[in-house]
Amino acid sequence: MTIEHIEPGKWNSRAVIHNGYICMSGIVPDDNSLGMKEQTAQVLAKIDGILASAGSDKTKIMSAVVYISDMDQKDAMNEAWMEWMGSHNPPARACVGVTLTPDTLVEIMVQAVQD
């Protein structure tokens, strides 16, 4: 059984791959001074990079969980999501309102498959 770790850190890996299935950790923005739409776009760009390093892309995402700190800003998150996702078949997705670290408005976790 082979398990590959993408960007392993002290307490988690950005993603873990087994049998072509990619499990990604929750990804947060680098710039917490941005608004919801901009933080979401930043997170999605980071997800693109992690998926690429794992031999995949957003068209191979099977499931996503979006955590947001303010459900009143869900529309702004969805705007960034739809601009990023485009018109292909979207994955299964949930959006959950939670308390995140200060000034973090969004955290996204995805599971995907490799090409």
C-alpha atoms as a PDB file:
ATOM      1  CA  MET A   1       0.000   0.000   0.000  1.00  0.00           C
ATOM      2  CA  THR A   2       1.532   3.286  -1.130  1.00  0.00           C
ATOM      3  CA  ILE A   3       0.456   6.592   0.369  1.00  0.00           C
ATOM      4  CA  GLU A   4       1.941   9.786  -1.082  1.00  0.00           C
ATOM      5  CA  HIS A   5       2.037  12.999   0.963  1.00  0.00           C
ATOM      6  CA  ILE A   6       1.960  16.369  -0.831  1.00  0.00           C
ATOM      7  CA  GLU A   7       3.715  19.154   1.087  1.00  0.00           C
ATOM      8  CA  PRO A   8       3.921  17.341   4.426  1.00  0.00           C
ATOM      9  CA  GLY A   9       4.224  19.706   7.366  1.00  0.00           C
ATOM     10  CA  LYS A  10       4.537  19.505  11.101  1.00  0.00           C
ATOM     11  CA  TRP A  11       0.898  18.653  11.779  1.00  0.00           C
ATOM     12  CA  ASN A  12      -0.659  17.857   8.381  1.00  0.00           C
ATOM     13  CA  SER A  13      -0.020  17.399   4.665  1.00  0.00           C
ATOM     14  CA  ARG A  14      -1.612  19.633   2.015  1.00  0.00           C
ATOM     15  CA  ALA A  15      -2.920  16.451   0.416  1.00  0.00           C
ATOM     16  CA  VAL A  16      -2.598  12.691   0.695  1.00  0.00           C
ATOM     17  CA  ILE A  17      -2.946  10.336  -2.272  1.00  0.00           C
ATOM     18  CA  HIS A  18      -3.806   6.644  -2.269  1.00  0.00           C
ATOM     19  CA  ASN A  19      -4.885   4.571  -5.274  1.00  0.00           C
ATOM     20  CA  GLY A  20      -5.438   7.709  -7.358  1.00  0.00           C
ATOM     21  CA  TYR A  21      -7.698   9.336  -4.756  1.00  0.00           C
ATOM     22  CA  ILE A  22      -6.600  12.748  -3.444  1.00  0.00           C
ATOM     23  CA  CYS A  23      -7.710  13.934  -0.011  1.00  0.00           C
ATOM     24  CA  MET A  24      -6.848  17.582   0.546  1.00  0.00           C
ATOM     25  CA  SER A  25      -6.582  19.398   3.873  1.00  0.00           C
ATOM     26  CA  GLY A  26      -8.568  22.553   4.464  1.00  0.00           C
ATOM     27  CA  ILE A  27      -6.946  25.344   2.438  1.00  0.00           C
ATOM     28  CA  VAL A  28      -7.059  28.941   3.686  1.00  0.00           C
ATOM     29  CA  PRO A  29      -6.088  32.258   2.065  1.00  0.00           C
ATOM     30  CA  ASP A  30      -2.687  33.870   2.528  1.00  0.00           C
ATOM     31  CA  ASP A  31      -4.069  37.422   2.677  1.00  0.00           C
ATOM     32  CA  ASN A  32      -6.773  37.761   5.334  1.00  0.00           C
ATOM     33  CA  SER A  33      -7.206  41.476   4.627  1.00  0.00           C
ATOM     34  CA  LEU A  34      -9.206  40.614   1.493  1.00  0.00           C
ATOM     35  CA  GLY A  35     -12.985  40.273   1.267  1.00  0.00           C
ATOM     36  CA  MET A  36     -14.886  36.993   0.937  1.00  0.00           C
ATOM     37  CA  LYS A  37     -14.812  36.799  -2.861  1.00  0.00           C
ATOM     38  CA  GLU A  38     -11.107  37.608  -3.035  1.00  0.00           C
ATOM     39  CA  GLN A  39     -10.155  35.222  -0.222  1.00  0.00           C
ATOM     40  CA  THR A  40     -12.154  32.485  -1.947  1.00  0.00           C
ATOM     41  CA  ALA A  41     -10.426  33.156  -5.278  1.00  0.00           C
ATOM     42  CA  GLN A  42      -7.053  32.981  -3.534  1.00  0.00           C
ATOM     43  CA  VAL A  43      -7.936  29.645  -1.907  1.00  0.00           C
ATOM     44  CA  LEU A  44      -9.159  28.236  -5.226  1.00  0.00           C
ATOM     45  CA  ALA A  45      -5.908  29.253  -6.930  1.00  0.00           C
ATOM     46  CA  LYS A  46      -3.987  27.425  -4.195  1.00  0.00           C
ATOM     47  CA  ILE A  47      -6.201  24.365  -4.742  1.00  0.00           C
ATOM     48  CA  ASP A  48      -5.355  24.484  -8.467  1.00  0.00           C
ATOM     49  CA  GLY A  49      -1.648  24.350  -7.600  1.00  0.00           C
ATOM     50  CA  ILE A  50      -1.996  21.497  -5.126  1.00  0.00           C
ATOM     51  CA  LEU A  51      -4.113  19.483  -7.557  1.00  0.00           C
ATOM     52  CA  ALA A  52      -1.553  20.064 -10.320  1.00  0.00           C
ATOM     53  CA  SER A  53       1.241  18.794  -8.072  1.00  0.00           C
ATOM     54  CA  ALA A  54      -0.896  15.723  -7.385  1.00  0.00           C
ATOM     55  CA  GLY A  55      -1.466  15.053 -11.105  1.00  0.00           C
ATOM     56  CA  SER A  56      -5.045  16.314 -11.247  1.00  0.00           C
ATOM     57  CA  ASP A  57      -7.146  19.414 -11.802  1.00  0.00           C
ATOM     58  CA  LYS A  58     -10.462  20.951 -10.746  1.00  0.00           C
ATOM     59  CA  THR A  59     -12.429  18.923 -13.320  1.00  0.00           C
ATOM     60  CA  LYS A  60     -11.535  15.822 -11.281  1.00  0.00           C
ATOM     61  CA  ILE A  61     -12.896  17.113  -7.952  1.00  0.00           C
ATOM     62  CA  MET A  62     -15.493  14.711  -6.598  1.00  0.00           C
ATOM     63  CA  SER A  63     -16.426  16.490  -3.397  1.00  0.00           C
ATOM     64  CA  ALA A  64     -15.832  19.841  -1.698  1.00  0.00           C
ATOM     65  CA  VAL A  65     -16.644  21.281   1.701  1.00  0.00           C
ATOM     66  CA  VAL A  66     -16.558  25.063   1.982  1.00  0.00           C
ATOM     67  CA  TYR A  67     -16.342  26.539   5.467  1.00  0.00           C
ATOM     68  CA  ILE A  68     -17.261  30.222   5.745  1.00  0.00           C
ATOM     69  CA  SER A  69     -17.237  32.498   8.763  1.00  0.00           C
ATOM     70  CA  ASP A  70     -20.368  34.445   7.761  1.00  0.00           C
ATOM     71  CA  MET A  71     -23.258  32.795   5.927  1.00  0.00           C
ATOM     72  CA  ASP A  72     -24.467  36.268   4.903  1.00  0.00           C
ATOM     73  CA  GLN A  73     -21.429  36.332   2.579  1.00  0.00           C
ATOM     74  CA  LYS A  74     -22.192  33.017   0.889  1.00  0.00           C
ATOM     75  CA  ASP A  75     -23.195  34.739  -2.361  1.00  0.00           C
ATOM     76  CA  ALA A  76     -19.750  36.400  -2.607  1.00  0.00           C
ATOM     77  CA  MET A  77     -18.083  33.019  -2.058  1.00  0.00           C
ATOM     78  CA  ASN A  78     -20.345  31.467  -4.693  1.00  0.00           C
ATOM     79  CA  GLU A  79     -19.406  34.188  -7.213  1.00  0.00           C
ATOM     80  CA  ALA A  80     -15.732  33.291  -6.912  1.00  0.00           C
ATOM     81  CA  TRP A  81     -16.556  29.571  -6.952  1.00  0.00           C
ATOM     82  CA  MET A  82     -18.621  29.848 -10.151  1.00  0.00           C
ATOM     83  CA  GLU A  83     -15.993  32.002 -11.914  1.00  0.00           C
ATOM     84  CA  TRP A  84     -13.404  29.349 -11.051  1.00  0.00           C
ATOM     85  CA  MET A  85     -15.529  26.259 -11.681  1.00  0.00           C
ATOM     86  CA  GLY A  86     -16.825  27.350 -15.074  1.00  0.00           C
ATOM     87  CA  SER A  87     -19.539  25.470 -16.914  1.00  0.00           C
ATOM     88  CA  HIS A  88     -18.356  21.872 -16.543  1.00  0.00           C
ATOM     89  CA  ASN A  89     -20.108  19.474 -14.178  1.00  0.00           C
ATOM     90  CA  PRO A  90     -19.536  20.711 -10.622  1.00  0.00           C
ATOM     91  CA  PRO A  91     -18.630  18.346  -7.763  1.00  0.00           C
ATOM     92  CA  ALA A  92     -20.810  17.453  -4.817  1.00  0.00           C
ATOM     93  CA  ARG A  93     -20.415  20.354  -2.382  1.00  0.00           C
ATOM     94  CA  ALA A  94     -21.479  21.521   1.053  1.00  0.00           C
ATOM     95  CA  CYS A  95     -21.112  24.981   2.556  1.00  0.00           C
ATOM     96  CA  VAL A  96     -20.957  25.246   6.335  1.00  0.00           C
ATOM     97  CA  GLY A  97     -20.962  28.328   8.563  1.00  0.00           C
ATOM     98  CA  VAL A  98     -18.218  28.050  11.199  1.00  0.00           C
ATOM     99  CA  THR A  99     -15.900  30.073  13.396  1.00  0.00           C
ATOM    100  CA  LEU A 100     -12.514  30.331  11.677  1.00  0.00           C
ATOM    101  CA  THR A 101      -9.270  31.899  12.845  1.00  0.00           C
ATOM    102  CA  PRO A 102      -9.450  35.714  13.060  1.00  0.00           C
ATOM    103  CA  ASP A 103      -9.967  37.447   9.696  1.00  0.00           C
ATOM    104  CA  THR A 104     -10.094  34.129   7.807  1.00  0.00           C
ATOM    105  CA  LEU A 105     -13.388  34.176   5.938  1.00  0.00           C
ATOM    106  CA  VAL A 106     -13.154  30.884   4.029  1.00  0.00           C
ATOM    107  CA  GLU A 107     -11.505  27.468   4.164  1.00  0.00           C
ATOM    108  CA  ILE A 108     -12.047  24.847   1.472  1.00  0.00           C
ATOM    109  CA  MET A 109     -11.371  21.114   1.528  1.00  0.00           C
ATOM    110  CA  VAL A 110     -11.640  18.948  -1.615  1.00  0.00           C
ATOM    111  CA  GLN A 111     -11.330  15.327  -2.618  1.00  0.00           C
ATOM    112  CA  ALA A 112     -10.380  14.533  -6.200  1.00  0.00           C
ATOM    113  CA  VAL A 113      -9.014  11.784  -8.417  1.00  0.00           C
ATOM    114  CA  GLN A 114      -5.855  11.745 -10.477  1.00  0.00           C
ATOM    115  CA  ASP A 115      -5.891  11.747 -14.269  1.00  0.00           C
END
